[in-house]
């Protein structure tokens, strides 16, 4: 069974992980009511709604 000779440095580990993160994109969705783009599982700041419920007063 193959075993590494030396421990991989945190720098090398970070470089490897950065390549994986480069391809992933944010989960941006279009709001059904306002048509604005927002992150999924986040409330809409313009209307103040989350999952169809009014959470905050809308921004002016």
PDB file of N, CA and C in Angstrom:
ATOM      1  N   UNK A   1       0.837  -1.177   0.000  1.00  0.00           N
ATOM      2  CA  UNK A   1       0.000   0.000   0.000  1.00  0.00           C
ATOM      3  C   UNK A   1       0.885   1.244   0.000  1.00  0.00           C
ATOM      4  N   UNK A   2       0.549   2.223  -0.813  1.00  0.00           N
ATOM      5  CA  UNK A   2       1.360   3.439  -0.930  1.00  0.00           C
ATOM      6  C   UNK A   2       1.120   4.357   0.260  1.00  0.00           C
ATOM      7  N   UNK A   3       2.213   4.837   0.827  1.00  0.00           N
ATOM      8  CA  UNK A   3       2.146   5.752   1.973  1.00  0.00           C
ATOM      9  C   UNK A   3       3.016   6.964   1.652  1.00  0.00           C
ATOM     10  N   UNK A   4       2.533   8.184   1.871  1.00  0.00           N
ATOM     11  CA  UNK A   4       3.349   9.365   1.575  1.00  0.00           C
ATOM     12  C   UNK A   4       4.578   9.434   2.481  1.00  0.00           C
ATOM     13  N   UNK A   5       5.693   9.894   1.905  1.00  0.00           N
ATOM     14  CA  UNK A   5       6.930   9.990   2.682  1.00  0.00           C
ATOM     15  C   UNK A   5       6.866  11.141   3.688  1.00  0.00           C
ATOM     16  N   UNK A   6       6.267  12.261   3.275  1.00  0.00           N
ATOM     17  CA  UNK A   6       6.224  13.437   4.133  1.00  0.00           C
ATOM     18  C   UNK A   6       4.811  13.984   4.240  1.00  0.00           C
ATOM     19  N   UNK A   7       4.585  14.692   5.323  1.00  0.00           N
ATOM     20  CA  UNK A   7       3.280  15.351   5.528  1.00  0.00           C
ATOM     21  C   UNK A   7       3.143  16.498   4.530  1.00  0.00           C
ATOM     22  N   UNK A   8       1.963  16.619   3.948  1.00  0.00           N
ATOM     23  CA  UNK A   8       1.728  17.704   3.004  1.00  0.00           C
ATOM     24  C   UNK A   8       1.560  19.019   3.768  1.00  0.00           C
ATOM     25  N   UNK A   9       2.223  20.072   3.302  1.00  0.00           N
ATOM     26  CA  UNK A   9       2.195  21.352   4.006  1.00  0.00           C
ATOM     27  C   UNK A   9       0.828  22.009   3.866  1.00  0.00           C
ATOM     28  N   UNK A  10       0.461  22.887   4.814  1.00  0.00           N
ATOM     29  CA  UNK A  10      -0.814  23.599   4.703  1.00  0.00           C
ATOM     30  C   UNK A  10      -0.903  24.435   3.435  1.00  0.00           C
ATOM     31  N   UNK A  11       0.236  24.947   2.977  1.00  0.00           N
ATOM     32  CA  UNK A  11       0.252  25.736   1.746  1.00  0.00           C
ATOM     33  C   UNK A  11      -0.154  24.886   0.545  1.00  0.00           C
ATOM     34  N   UNK A  12       0.422  23.691   0.458  1.00  0.00           N
ATOM     35  CA  UNK A  12       0.081  22.770  -0.638  1.00  0.00           C
ATOM     36  C   UNK A  12      -1.389  22.369  -0.574  1.00  0.00           C
ATOM     37  N   UNK A  13      -1.864  22.100   0.637  1.00  0.00           N
ATOM     38  CA  UNK A  13      -3.262  21.714   0.809  1.00  0.00           C
ATOM     39  C   UNK A  13      -4.178  22.834   0.332  1.00  0.00           C
ATOM     40  N   UNK A  14      -3.824  24.072   0.696  1.00  0.00           N
ATOM     41  CA  UNK A  14      -4.616  25.227   0.276  1.00  0.00           C
ATOM     42  C   UNK A  14      -4.609  25.407  -1.226  1.00  0.00           C
ATOM     43  N   UNK A  15      -3.450  25.172  -1.852  1.00  0.00           N
ATOM     44  CA  UNK A  15      -3.361  25.299  -3.317  1.00  0.00           C
ATOM     45  C   UNK A  15      -4.256  24.276  -4.005  1.00  0.00           C
ATOM     46  N   UNK A  16      -4.280  23.058  -3.478  1.00  0.00           N
ATOM     47  CA  UNK A  16      -5.128  22.021  -4.060  1.00  0.00           C
ATOM     48  C   UNK A  16      -6.600  22.385  -3.898  1.00  0.00           C
ATOM     49  N   UNK A  17      -6.968  22.835  -2.711  1.00  0.00           N
ATOM     50  CA  UNK A  17      -8.362  23.168  -2.443  1.00  0.00           C
ATOM     51  C   UNK A  17      -8.825  24.375  -3.259  1.00  0.00           C
ATOM     52  N   UNK A  18      -7.915  25.302  -3.521  1.00  0.00           N
ATOM     53  CA  UNK A  18      -8.303  26.498  -4.272  1.00  0.00           C
ATOM     54  C   UNK A  18      -8.719  26.140  -5.695  1.00  0.00           C
ATOM     55  N   UNK A  19      -8.122  25.096  -6.249  1.00  0.00           N
ATOM     56  CA  UNK A  19      -8.504  24.671  -7.596  1.00  0.00           C
ATOM     57  C   UNK A  19      -9.921  24.113  -7.596  1.00  0.00           C
ATOM     58  N   UNK A  20     -10.306  23.441  -6.518  1.00  0.00           N
ATOM     59  CA  UNK A  20     -11.659  22.897  -6.443  1.00  0.00           C
ATOM     60  C   UNK A  20     -12.671  24.004  -6.264  1.00  0.00           C
ATOM     61  N   UNK A  21     -12.343  25.025  -5.486  1.00  0.00           N
ATOM     62  CA  UNK A  21     -13.266  26.117  -5.207  1.00  0.00           C
ATOM     63  C   UNK A  21     -13.467  27.011  -6.428  1.00  0.00           C
ATOM     64  N   UNK A  22     -12.477  27.007  -7.326  1.00  0.00           N
ATOM     65  CA  UNK A  22     -12.520  27.902  -8.478  1.00  0.00           C
ATOM     66  C   UNK A  22     -13.721  27.595  -9.378  1.00  0.00           C
ATOM     67  N   UNK A  23     -14.090  26.344  -9.471  1.00  0.00           N
ATOM     68  CA  UNK A  23     -15.150  25.939 -10.386  1.00  0.00           C
ATOM     69  C   UNK A  23     -16.546  26.138  -9.805  1.00  0.00           C
ATOM     70  N   UNK A  24     -16.649  26.154  -8.477  1.00  0.00           N
ATOM     71  CA  UNK A  24     -17.980  26.255  -7.888  1.00  0.00           C
ATOM     72  C   UNK A  24     -18.515  27.679  -8.003  1.00  0.00           C
ATOM     73  N   UNK A  25     -19.791  27.805  -8.252  1.00  0.00           N
ATOM     74  CA  UNK A  25     -20.408  29.121  -8.371  1.00  0.00           C
ATOM     75  C   UNK A  25     -21.402  29.316  -7.244  1.00  0.00           C
ATOM     76  N   UNK A  26     -21.719  30.557  -6.969  1.00  0.00           N
ATOM     77  CA  UNK A  26     -22.683  30.867  -5.922  1.00  0.00           C
ATOM     78  C   UNK A  26     -24.071  30.428  -6.391  1.00  0.00           C
ATOM     79  N   UNK A  27     -24.923  30.103  -5.452  1.00  0.00           N
ATOM     80  CA  UNK A  27     -26.270  29.654  -5.792  1.00  0.00           C
ATOM     81  C   UNK A  27     -27.195  30.868  -5.835  1.00  0.00           C
ATOM     82  N   UNK A  28     -27.155  31.558  -6.951  1.00  0.00           N
ATOM     83  CA  UNK A  28     -27.960  32.760  -7.146  1.00  0.00           C
ATOM     84  C   UNK A  28     -29.267  32.361  -7.826  1.00  0.00           C
ATOM     85  N   UNK A  29     -30.377  32.825  -7.257  1.00  0.00           N
ATOM     86  CA  UNK A  29     -31.689  32.530  -7.819  1.00  0.00           C
ATOM     87  C   UNK A  29     -32.435  33.830  -8.060  1.00  0.00           C
ATOM     88  N   UNK A  30     -33.413  33.776  -8.939  1.00  0.00           N
ATOM     89  CA  UNK A  30     -34.244  34.945  -9.219  1.00  0.00           C
ATOM     90  C   UNK A  30     -35.468  34.893  -8.318  1.00  0.00           C
ATOM     91  N   UNK A  31     -35.761  36.012  -7.656  1.00  0.00           N
ATOM     92  CA  UNK A  31     -36.915  36.080  -6.765  1.00  0.00           C
ATOM     93  C   UNK A  31     -38.194  36.047  -7.600  1.00  0.00           C
ATOM     94  N   UNK A  32     -39.181  35.279  -7.154  1.00  0.00           N
ATOM     95  CA  UNK A  32     -40.399  35.100  -7.940  1.00  0.00           C
ATOM     96  C   UNK A  32     -41.246  36.363  -7.994  1.00  0.00           C
ATOM     97  N   UNK A  33     -41.325  37.083  -6.884  1.00  0.00           N
ATOM     98  CA  UNK A  33     -42.198  38.262  -6.846  1.00  0.00           C
ATOM     99  C   UNK A  33     -41.536  39.501  -7.429  1.00  0.00           C
ATOM    100  N   UNK A  34     -40.324  39.815  -6.962  1.00  0.00           N
ATOM    101  CA  UNK A  34     -39.690  41.068  -7.382  1.00  0.00           C
ATOM    102  C   UNK A  34     -38.856  40.916  -8.649  1.00  0.00           C
ATOM    103  N   UNK A  35     -38.417  39.701  -8.973  1.00  0.00           N
ATOM    104  CA  UNK A  35     -37.587  39.502 -10.162  1.00  0.00           C
ATOM    105  C   UNK A  35     -36.121  39.821  -9.915  1.00  0.00           C
ATOM    106  N   UNK A  36     -35.764  40.202  -8.699  1.00  0.00           N
ATOM    107  CA  UNK A  36     -34.384  40.512  -8.356  1.00  0.00           C
ATOM    108  C   UNK A  36     -33.608  39.218  -8.112  1.00  0.00           C
ATOM    109  N   UNK A  37     -32.297  39.282  -8.318  1.00  0.00           N
ATOM    110  CA  UNK A  37     -31.443  38.142  -8.039  1.00  0.00           C
ATOM    111  C   UNK A  37     -30.970  38.225  -6.600  1.00  0.00           C
ATOM    112  N   UNK A  38     -30.915  37.055  -5.939  1.00  0.00           N
ATOM    113  CA  UNK A  38     -30.458  36.990  -4.557  1.00  0.00           C
ATOM    114  C   UNK A  38     -29.875  35.608  -4.321  1.00  0.00           C
ATOM    115  N   UNK A  39     -29.158  35.450  -3.210  1.00  0.00           N
ATOM    116  CA  UNK A  39     -28.646  34.139  -2.847  1.00  0.00           C
ATOM    117  C   UNK A  39     -29.786  33.290  -2.307  1.00  0.00           C
ATOM    118  N   UNK A  40     -29.778  32.001  -2.640  1.00  0.00           N
ATOM    119  CA  UNK A  40     -30.825  31.142  -2.115  1.00  0.00           C
ATOM    120  C   UNK A  40     -30.657  30.999  -0.613  1.00  0.00           C
ATOM    121  N   UNK A  41     -31.726  30.757   0.098  1.00  0.00           N
ATOM    122  CA  UNK A  41     -31.774  30.670   1.554  1.00  0.00           C
ATOM    123  C   UNK A  41     -31.420  31.997   2.222  1.00  0.00           C
ATOM    124  N   UNK A  42     -31.579  33.107   1.507  1.00  0.00           N
ATOM    125  CA  UNK A  42     -31.389  34.438   2.065  1.00  0.00           C
ATOM    126  C   UNK A  42     -32.658  35.243   1.795  1.00  0.00           C
ATOM    127  N   UNK A  43     -32.927  36.208   2.649  1.00  0.00           N
ATOM    128  CA  UNK A  43     -34.126  37.004   2.431  1.00  0.00           C
ATOM    129  C   UNK A  43     -33.870  38.090   1.393  1.00  0.00           C
ATOM    130  N   UNK A  44     -34.933  38.541   0.764  1.00  0.00           N
ATOM    131  CA  UNK A  44     -34.858  39.599  -0.229  1.00  0.00           C
ATOM    132  C   UNK A  44     -34.864  40.933   0.502  1.00  0.00           C
ATOM    133  N   UNK A  45     -33.795  41.707   0.365  1.00  0.00           N
ATOM    134  CA  UNK A  45     -33.671  42.955   1.113  1.00  0.00           C
ATOM    135  C   UNK A  45     -34.613  44.043   0.590  1.00  0.00           C
ATOM    136  N   UNK A  46     -34.943  43.992  -0.695  1.00  0.00           N
ATOM    137  CA  UNK A  46     -35.815  45.044  -1.243  1.00  0.00           C
ATOM    138  C   UNK A  46     -37.246  44.909  -0.732  1.00  0.00           C
ATOM    139  N   UNK A  47     -37.752  43.674  -0.696  1.00  0.00           N
ATOM    140  CA  UNK A  47     -39.137  43.486  -0.250  1.00  0.00           C
ATOM    141  C   UNK A  47     -39.222  43.083   1.214  1.00  0.00           C
ATOM    142  N   UNK A  48     -38.129  42.574   1.788  1.00  0.00           N
ATOM    143  CA  UNK A  48     -38.132  42.151   3.183  1.00  0.00           C
ATOM    144  C   UNK A  48     -38.850  40.839   3.416  1.00  0.00           C
ATOM    145  N   UNK A  49     -38.918  39.989   2.402  1.00  0.00           N
ATOM    146  CA  UNK A  49     -39.614  38.712   2.539  1.00  0.00           C
ATOM    147  C   UNK A  49     -38.623  37.559   2.536  1.00  0.00           C
ATOM    148  N   UNK A  50     -39.036  36.466   3.177  1.00  0.00           N
ATOM    149  CA  UNK A  50     -38.279  35.226   3.181  1.00  0.00           C
ATOM    150  C   UNK A  50     -39.278  34.085   3.162  1.00  0.00           C
ATOM    151  N   UNK A  51     -39.158  33.213   2.170  1.00  0.00           N
ATOM    152  CA  UNK A  51     -40.062  32.073   1.983  1.00  0.00           C
ATOM    153  C   UNK A  51     -41.520  32.514   1.939  1.00  0.00           C
ATOM    154  N   UNK A  52     -41.788  33.637   1.289  1.00  0.00           N
ATOM    155  CA  UNK A  52     -43.162  34.105   1.119  1.00  0.00           C
ATOM    156  C   UNK A  52     -43.731  34.834   2.315  1.00  0.00           C
ATOM    157  N   UNK A  53     -42.975  34.971   3.405  1.00  0.00           N
ATOM    158  CA  UNK A  53     -43.450  35.664   4.591  1.00  0.00           C
ATOM    159  C   UNK A  53     -42.763  37.002   4.716  1.00  0.00           C
ATOM    160  N   UNK A  54     -43.455  37.999   5.227  1.00  0.00           N
ATOM    161  CA  UNK A  54     -42.895  39.315   5.473  1.00  0.00           C
ATOM    162  C   UNK A  54     -42.081  39.267   6.759  1.00  0.00           C
ATOM    163  N   UNK A  55     -40.755  39.468   6.666  1.00  0.00           N
ATOM    164  CA  UNK A  55     -39.885  39.380   7.825  1.00  0.00           C
ATOM    165  C   UNK A  55     -39.510  40.758   8.326  1.00  0.00           C
ATOM    166  N   UNK A  56     -39.143  41.652   7.408  1.00  0.00           N
ATOM    167  CA  UNK A  56     -38.758  43.025   7.743  1.00  0.00           C
ATOM    168  C   UNK A  56     -39.595  44.009   6.952  1.00  0.00           C
ATOM    169  N   UNK A  57     -39.585  45.263   7.423  1.00  0.00           N
ATOM    170  CA  UNK A  57     -40.219  46.315   6.627  1.00  0.00           C
ATOM    171  C   UNK A  57     -39.372  46.543   5.383  1.00  0.00           C
ATOM    172  N   UNK A  58     -40.009  46.725   4.207  1.00  0.00           N
ATOM    173  CA  UNK A  58     -39.225  46.915   2.974  1.00  0.00           C
ATOM    174  C   UNK A  58     -38.410  48.189   3.024  1.00  0.00           C
ATOM    175  N   UNK A  59     -37.239  48.147   2.372  1.00  0.00           N
ATOM    176  CA  UNK A  59     -36.372  49.325   2.281  1.00  0.00           C
ATOM    177  C   UNK A  59     -36.995  50.352   1.352  1.00  0.00           C
ATOM    178  N   UNK A  60     -36.798  51.604   1.670  1.00  0.00           N
ATOM    179  CA  UNK A  60     -37.303  52.679   0.793  1.00  0.00           C
ATOM    180  C   UNK A  60     -36.289  53.042  -0.256  1.00  0.00           C
TER     181      UNK A  60
END
